[in-house]
Structure formats: structure tokens, C-alpha cells
């Protein structure tokens, strides 16, 4: 199933995009700051979200890890 149709997978992809963009921005800030417009601007915006909301993003990552690791009881 595609990540677009499964809400949990969509949230996981968004969290991974935010975390990866913030991590890459910490090593290569010049490259990401140059590309603020266009399609590559999405990565710059995700890096800003990851930097400014890092406590909330880390809590969301921990919650998502808990949901993934805990088996669902519904059958």
C-alpha cells in the first residue's frame, strides 16, 4: 500500500523528511540556504520546522516509534 493512502505511513514519511532535512542542514547549511525557492525549497522548509520545533518533532518521533514497535491488537 502506498504511503499516501495509509495515514501512519504518511506521517512517518513526513517525520523522516523533517528529521533528515534538519540533519543535512546542520552539515551543509550553505547548500540548503541557497535553494529556498522551487522544489528544493521543501527541504529548506522542513529543515526550519525541524530546527524550530525540535522538542515537538522528537516527541512525535518517539510516539511514532512506539506505535510501530507495539503490535496492534486489532485483527
C-alpha atoms as a PDB file:
ATOM      1  CA  UNK A   1       0.000   0.000   0.000  1.00  0.00           C
ATOM      2  CA  UNK A   2       1.252   3.456  -0.829  1.00  0.00           C
ATOM      3  CA  UNK A   3       2.262   5.898   1.910  1.00  0.00           C
ATOM      4  CA  UNK A   4      -0.326   8.318   0.532  1.00  0.00           C
ATOM      5  CA  UNK A   5      -3.218   6.038   1.413  1.00  0.00           C
ATOM      6  CA  UNK A   6      -2.047   4.871   4.812  1.00  0.00           C
ATOM      7  CA  UNK A   7      -2.128   7.736   7.347  1.00  0.00           C
ATOM      8  CA  UNK A   8       0.505   6.239   9.654  1.00  0.00           C
ATOM      9  CA  UNK A   9       2.909   5.748   6.749  1.00  0.00           C
ATOM     10  CA  UNK A  10       2.282   9.297   5.553  1.00  0.00           C
ATOM     11  CA  UNK A  11       3.101  10.679   8.996  1.00  0.00           C
ATOM     12  CA  UNK A  12       6.232   8.532   9.099  1.00  0.00           C
ATOM     13  CA  UNK A  13       7.403   9.850   5.716  1.00  0.00           C
ATOM     14  CA  UNK A  14       6.791  13.460   6.813  1.00  0.00           C
ATOM     15  CA  UNK A  15       8.669  12.955  10.094  1.00  0.00           C
ATOM     16  CA  UNK A  16      11.583  11.318   8.302  1.00  0.00           C
ATOM     17  CA  UNK A  17      11.677  14.164   5.784  1.00  0.00           C
ATOM     18  CA  UNK A  18      11.748  16.782   8.557  1.00  0.00           C
ATOM     19  CA  UNK A  19      14.405  14.962  10.589  1.00  0.00           C
ATOM     20  CA  UNK A  20      16.615  14.223   7.575  1.00  0.00           C
ATOM     21  CA  UNK A  21      16.388  17.795   6.284  1.00  0.00           C
ATOM     22  CA  UNK A  22      17.321  19.244   9.682  1.00  0.00           C
ATOM     23  CA  UNK A  23      20.246  16.807   9.961  1.00  0.00           C
ATOM     24  CA  UNK A  24      21.576  17.620   6.487  1.00  0.00           C
ATOM     25  CA  UNK A  25      21.127  21.347   7.120  1.00  0.00           C
ATOM     26  CA  UNK A  26      23.366  21.105  10.179  1.00  0.00           C
ATOM     27  CA  UNK A  27      26.227  19.798   7.984  1.00  0.00           C
ATOM     28  CA  UNK A  28      25.602  21.757   4.768  1.00  0.00           C
ATOM     29  CA  UNK A  29      23.773  24.995   5.661  1.00  0.00           C
ATOM     30  CA  UNK A  30      25.046  26.892   2.618  1.00  0.00           C
ATOM     31  CA  UNK A  31      23.616  24.450   0.108  1.00  0.00           C
ATOM     32  CA  UNK A  32      20.174  24.391   1.671  1.00  0.00           C
ATOM     33  CA  UNK A  33      20.031  28.143   2.309  1.00  0.00           C
ATOM     34  CA  UNK A  34      20.802  28.811  -1.358  1.00  0.00           C
ATOM     35  CA  UNK A  35      17.869  26.678  -2.504  1.00  0.00           C
ATOM     36  CA  UNK A  36      14.935  28.318  -0.731  1.00  0.00           C
ATOM     37  CA  UNK A  37      12.741  28.528  -3.828  1.00  0.00           C
ATOM     38  CA  UNK A  38      11.263  25.865  -6.048  1.00  0.00           C
ATOM     39  CA  UNK A  39      11.026  22.174  -5.373  1.00  0.00           C
ATOM     40  CA  UNK A  40      14.205  22.107  -3.283  1.00  0.00           C
ATOM     41  CA  UNK A  41      12.653  24.763  -1.036  1.00  0.00           C
ATOM     42  CA  UNK A  42      10.573  21.983   0.508  1.00  0.00           C
ATOM     43  CA  UNK A  43      13.724  20.593   2.118  1.00  0.00           C
ATOM     44  CA  UNK A  44      14.689  24.043   3.428  1.00  0.00           C
ATOM     45  CA  UNK A  45      11.215  24.490   4.941  1.00  0.00           C
ATOM     46  CA  UNK A  46      11.349  21.048   6.525  1.00  0.00           C
ATOM     47  CA  UNK A  47      14.774  21.872   7.971  1.00  0.00           C
ATOM     48  CA  UNK A  48      13.360  25.067   9.514  1.00  0.00           C
ATOM     49  CA  UNK A  49      10.467  23.131  11.021  1.00  0.00           C
ATOM     50  CA  UNK A  50      12.883  20.543  12.412  1.00  0.00           C
ATOM     51  CA  UNK A  51      15.155  23.197  13.925  1.00  0.00           C
ATOM     52  CA  UNK A  52      12.490  25.405  15.461  1.00  0.00           C
ATOM     53  CA  UNK A  53      10.132  22.694  16.672  1.00  0.00           C
ATOM     54  CA  UNK A  54      12.750  20.090  17.577  1.00  0.00           C
ATOM     55  CA  UNK A  55      11.295  19.162  21.008  1.00  0.00           C
ATOM     56  CA  UNK A  56       7.880  18.527  19.469  1.00  0.00           C
ATOM     57  CA  UNK A  57       9.341  16.694  16.487  1.00  0.00           C
ATOM     58  CA  UNK A  58      11.381  14.438  18.772  1.00  0.00           C
ATOM     59  CA  UNK A  59       8.284  13.647  20.850  1.00  0.00           C
ATOM     60  CA  UNK A  60       6.407  12.803  17.647  1.00  0.00           C
ATOM     61  CA  UNK A  61       9.290  10.547  16.556  1.00  0.00           C
ATOM     62  CA  UNK A  62       9.214   8.721  19.877  1.00  0.00           C
ATOM     63  CA  UNK A  63       5.442   8.289  19.673  1.00  0.00           C
ATOM     64  CA  UNK A  64       5.689   7.017  16.108  1.00  0.00           C
ATOM     65  CA  UNK A  65       8.401   4.550  17.131  1.00  0.00           C
ATOM     66  CA  UNK A  66       6.143   3.325  19.926  1.00  0.00           C
ATOM     67  CA  UNK A  67       3.232   2.838  17.546  1.00  0.00           C
ATOM     68  CA  UNK A  68       5.428   0.960  15.077  1.00  0.00           C
ATOM     69  CA  UNK A  69       7.062  -1.289  17.693  1.00  0.00           C
ATOM     70  CA  UNK A  70       3.872  -2.126  19.574  1.00  0.00           C
ATOM     71  CA  UNK A  71       1.839  -4.756  17.778  1.00  0.00           C
ATOM     72  CA  UNK A  72      -1.744  -3.790  17.131  1.00  0.00           C
ATOM     73  CA  UNK A  73      -4.340  -5.875  18.901  1.00  0.00           C
ATOM     74  CA  UNK A  74      -6.967  -5.400  16.210  1.00  0.00           C
ATOM     75  CA  UNK A  75      -7.211  -8.286  13.796  1.00  0.00           C
END
